[in-house]
Amino acid sequence: MTTRRADPFRYSMTTPLPCWIEIREINEVTVYSKLAEVELLDISKSGCRIQTNLDLRADTNQIQATVHVRLNEDLHKFPGKIQWQKESENSLFHYGLLLDMTDEMKESLNVELRSLAASRRIVVL
């Protein structure tokens, strides 16, 4: 059996968590977008998975985005790049983002995730 011990733990929301995405760049061109509501499905210190009814066509474009999410009390802004897009059966699109966070942001996220796990709002995968 192969394990991925070097990979950070991934935390799955017990119910999808409303949050927002802000598109910053498409194909290396800066864009100014409004915040669009999405749902956070899971998160780790290296990435996250969201779902929305928006088709961002990430399979044919390089998209840099920032996810705005309130995990406990504080609003966090996690910059990243959309790595993949999949359409689900219920006409929602799932996106995987590779997050580009500083060590300080990762530690802050880790503290928040441990608190959410203790309150059973997320589960460790």
C-alpha atoms as a PDB file:
ATOM      1  CA  MET A   1       0.000   0.000   0.000  1.00  0.00           C
ATOM      2  CA  THR A   2       1.354   3.395  -0.982  1.00  0.00           C
ATOM      3  CA  THR A   3       0.915   6.323   1.375  1.00  0.00           C
ATOM      4  CA  ARG A   4       1.354  10.018   0.734  1.00  0.00           C
ATOM      5  CA  ARG A   5       2.722  10.947   4.154  1.00  0.00           C
ATOM      6  CA  ALA A   6       4.507  14.003   2.693  1.00  0.00           C
ATOM      7  CA  ASP A   7       1.147  15.425   1.597  1.00  0.00           C
ATOM      8  CA  PRO A   8      -0.643  17.648   4.116  1.00  0.00           C
ATOM      9  CA  PHE A   9      -3.862  16.429   5.702  1.00  0.00           C
ATOM     10  CA  ARG A  10      -6.983  17.320   3.739  1.00  0.00           C
ATOM     11  CA  TYR A  11     -10.026  18.449   5.693  1.00  0.00           C
ATOM     12  CA  SER A  12     -13.506  17.900   4.256  1.00  0.00           C
ATOM     13  CA  MET A  13     -16.411  20.120   5.282  1.00  0.00           C
ATOM     14  CA  THR A  14     -19.290  18.181   6.854  1.00  0.00           C
ATOM     15  CA  THR A  15     -21.554  20.528   4.865  1.00  0.00           C
ATOM     16  CA  PRO A  16     -20.231  22.746   2.052  1.00  0.00           C
ATOM     17  CA  LEU A  17     -19.096  26.093   3.431  1.00  0.00           C
ATOM     18  CA  PRO A  18     -20.239  29.236   1.567  1.00  0.00           C
ATOM     19  CA  CYS A  19     -17.289  31.388   0.499  1.00  0.00           C
ATOM     20  CA  TRP A  20     -16.265  33.598  -2.435  1.00  0.00           C
ATOM     21  CA  ILE A  21     -13.816  33.502  -5.300  1.00  0.00           C
ATOM     22  CA  GLU A  22     -12.147  36.483  -6.926  1.00  0.00           C
ATOM     23  CA  ILE A  23     -10.540  35.979 -10.346  1.00  0.00           C
ATOM     24  CA  ARG A  24      -7.260  37.951 -10.534  1.00  0.00           C
ATOM     25  CA  GLU A  25      -5.676  36.772 -13.798  1.00  0.00           C
ATOM     26  CA  ILE A  26      -6.740  34.873 -16.895  1.00  0.00           C
ATOM     27  CA  ASN A  27      -3.917  33.686 -19.150  1.00  0.00           C
ATOM     28  CA  GLU A  28      -1.479  36.070 -17.415  1.00  0.00           C
ATOM     29  CA  VAL A  29      -3.730  39.101 -18.036  1.00  0.00           C
ATOM     30  CA  THR A  30      -4.850  40.949 -14.897  1.00  0.00           C
ATOM     31  CA  VAL A  31      -8.621  41.141 -14.529  1.00  0.00           C
ATOM     32  CA  TYR A  32     -10.817  42.849 -11.964  1.00  0.00           C
ATOM     33  CA  SER A  33     -13.737  40.651 -11.043  1.00  0.00           C
ATOM     34  CA  LYS A  34     -16.536  40.844  -8.534  1.00  0.00           C
ATOM     35  CA  LEU A  35     -16.640  38.248  -5.804  1.00  0.00           C
ATOM     36  CA  ALA A  36     -18.638  35.204  -6.879  1.00  0.00           C
ATOM     37  CA  GLU A  37     -20.223  32.923  -4.303  1.00  0.00           C
ATOM     38  CA  VAL A  38     -18.891  29.368  -4.272  1.00  0.00           C
ATOM     39  CA  GLU A  39     -18.876  26.515  -1.760  1.00  0.00           C
ATOM     40  CA  LEU A  40     -15.758  25.128  -0.115  1.00  0.00           C
ATOM     41  CA  LEU A  41     -15.783  21.314  -0.119  1.00  0.00           C
ATOM     42  CA  ASP A  42     -12.346  20.550   1.299  1.00  0.00           C
ATOM     43  CA  ILE A  43      -9.077  22.271   2.117  1.00  0.00           C
ATOM     44  CA  SER A  44      -5.465  21.592   3.070  1.00  0.00           C
ATOM     45  CA  LYS A  45      -2.367  23.731   3.477  1.00  0.00           C
ATOM     46  CA  SER A  46      -1.579  23.175  -0.200  1.00  0.00           C
ATOM     47  CA  GLY A  47      -4.963  23.341  -1.917  1.00  0.00           C
ATOM     48  CA  CYS A  48      -8.732  23.329  -1.804  1.00  0.00           C
ATOM     49  CA  ARG A  49     -11.755  22.124  -3.744  1.00  0.00           C
ATOM     50  CA  ILE A  50     -14.740  24.350  -4.427  1.00  0.00           C
ATOM     51  CA  GLN A  51     -18.024  24.002  -6.301  1.00  0.00           C
ATOM     52  CA  THR A  52     -20.160  26.542  -8.135  1.00  0.00           C
ATOM     53  CA  ASN A  53     -22.623  26.781 -11.001  1.00  0.00           C
ATOM     54  CA  LEU A  54     -20.123  28.996 -12.891  1.00  0.00           C
ATOM     55  CA  ASP A  55     -18.242  27.493 -15.832  1.00  0.00           C
ATOM     56  CA  LEU A  56     -14.870  29.250 -15.671  1.00  0.00           C
ATOM     57  CA  ARG A  57     -13.454  27.196 -18.559  1.00  0.00           C
ATOM     58  CA  ALA A  58     -10.381  26.440 -16.483  1.00  0.00           C
ATOM     59  CA  ASP A  59      -9.561  23.502 -18.739  1.00  0.00           C
ATOM     60  CA  THR A  60      -8.610  25.943 -21.534  1.00  0.00           C
ATOM     61  CA  ASN A  61      -7.417  28.938 -19.482  1.00  0.00           C
ATOM     62  CA  GLN A  62      -4.809  29.593 -16.806  1.00  0.00           C
ATOM     63  CA  ILE A  63      -6.714  31.225 -13.953  1.00  0.00           C
ATOM     64  CA  GLN A  64      -5.233  32.863 -10.858  1.00  0.00           C
ATOM     65  CA  ALA A  65      -7.794  33.442  -8.129  1.00  0.00           C
ATOM     66  CA  THR A  66      -8.218  34.269  -4.467  1.00  0.00           C
ATOM     67  CA  VAL A  67     -10.613  32.305  -2.266  1.00  0.00           C
ATOM     68  CA  HIS A  68     -12.225  34.414   0.490  1.00  0.00           C
ATOM     69  CA  VAL A  69     -13.460  32.192   3.315  1.00  0.00           C
ATOM     70  CA  ARG A  70     -14.597  32.662   6.903  1.00  0.00           C
ATOM     71  CA  LEU A  71     -13.646  29.462   8.709  1.00  0.00           C
ATOM     72  CA  ASN A  72     -14.349  30.478  12.312  1.00  0.00           C
ATOM     73  CA  GLU A  73     -14.369  34.188  13.057  1.00  0.00           C
ATOM     74  CA  ASP A  74     -11.702  35.618  10.765  1.00  0.00           C
ATOM     75  CA  LEU A  75     -12.015  36.154   7.026  1.00  0.00           C
ATOM     76  CA  HIS A  76      -9.090  34.540   5.198  1.00  0.00           C
ATOM     77  CA  LYS A  77      -7.915  35.268   1.661  1.00  0.00           C
ATOM     78  CA  PHE A  78      -6.048  32.394   0.043  1.00  0.00           C
ATOM     79  CA  PRO A  79      -4.400  33.107  -3.332  1.00  0.00           C
ATOM     80  CA  GLY A  80      -3.957  30.248  -5.762  1.00  0.00           C
ATOM     81  CA  LYS A  81      -4.243  28.813  -9.236  1.00  0.00           C
ATOM     82  CA  ILE A  82      -7.087  26.701 -10.592  1.00  0.00           C
ATOM     83  CA  GLN A  83      -5.506  23.357 -11.497  1.00  0.00           C
ATOM     84  CA  TRP A  84      -8.526  21.434 -12.746  1.00  0.00           C
ATOM     85  CA  GLN A  85     -12.248  21.653 -13.468  1.00  0.00           C
ATOM     86  CA  LYS A  86     -14.864  18.878 -13.513  1.00  0.00           C
ATOM     87  CA  GLU A  87     -18.594  19.056 -14.117  1.00  0.00           C
ATOM     88  CA  SER A  88     -20.675  17.079 -11.631  1.00  0.00           C
ATOM     89  CA  GLU A  89     -23.981  15.318 -12.241  1.00  0.00           C
ATOM     90  CA  ASN A  90     -26.055  18.160 -10.785  1.00  0.00           C
ATOM     91  CA  SER A  91     -24.754  20.836 -13.221  1.00  0.00           C
ATOM     92  CA  LEU A  92     -22.257  22.165 -10.703  1.00  0.00           C
ATOM     93  CA  PHE A  93     -18.596  22.625 -11.518  1.00  0.00           C
ATOM     94  CA  HIS A  94     -15.893  21.438  -9.152  1.00  0.00           C
ATOM     95  CA  TYR A  95     -12.525  23.206  -9.157  1.00  0.00           C
ATOM     96  CA  GLY A  96      -9.235  22.227  -7.591  1.00  0.00           C
ATOM     97  CA  LEU A  97      -6.997  25.098  -6.559  1.00  0.00           C
ATOM     98  CA  LEU A  98      -3.310  24.949  -5.732  1.00  0.00           C
ATOM     99  CA  LEU A  99      -2.923  27.516  -2.967  1.00  0.00           C
ATOM    100  CA  ASP A 100       0.086  29.836  -2.803  1.00  0.00           C
ATOM    101  CA  MET A 101       0.355  30.639   0.902  1.00  0.00           C
ATOM    102  CA  THR A 102       3.103  31.975   3.137  1.00  0.00           C
ATOM    103  CA  ASP A 103       4.233  29.925   6.134  1.00  0.00           C
ATOM    104  CA  GLU A 104       2.322  32.339   8.367  1.00  0.00           C
ATOM    105  CA  MET A 105      -0.886  31.798   6.364  1.00  0.00           C
ATOM    106  CA  LYS A 106      -0.407  28.013   6.535  1.00  0.00           C
ATOM    107  CA  GLU A 107       0.042  28.098  10.309  1.00  0.00           C
ATOM    108  CA  SER A 108      -3.036  30.300  10.739  1.00  0.00           C
ATOM    109  CA  LEU A 109      -5.048  27.904   8.562  1.00  0.00           C
ATOM    110  CA  ASN A 110      -3.771  24.934  10.551  1.00  0.00           C
ATOM    111  CA  VAL A 111      -4.974  26.486  13.834  1.00  0.00           C
ATOM    112  CA  GLU A 112      -8.409  27.206  12.319  1.00  0.00           C
ATOM    113  CA  LEU A 113      -8.714  23.688  10.891  1.00  0.00           C
ATOM    114  CA  ARG A 114      -7.848  22.039  14.199  1.00  0.00           C
ATOM    115  CA  SER A 115     -10.548  24.118  15.878  1.00  0.00           C
ATOM    116  CA  LEU A 116     -13.110  23.140  13.223  1.00  0.00           C
ATOM    117  CA  ALA A 117     -12.129  19.473  13.556  1.00  0.00           C
ATOM    118  CA  ALA A 118     -12.606  19.655  17.331  1.00  0.00           C
ATOM    119  CA  SER A 119     -16.117  21.048  16.819  1.00  0.00           C
ATOM    120  CA  ARG A 120     -16.813  18.328  14.201  1.00  0.00           C
ATOM    121  CA  ARG A 121     -17.530  20.843  11.421  1.00  0.00           C
ATOM    122  CA  ILE A 122     -14.859  19.170   9.292  1.00  0.00           C
ATOM    123  CA  VAL A 123     -13.418  15.680   9.021  1.00  0.00           C
ATOM    124  CA  VAL A 124      -9.840  14.657   8.292  1.00  0.00           C
ATOM    125  CA  LEU A 125      -9.373  12.644   5.102  1.00  0.00           C
END
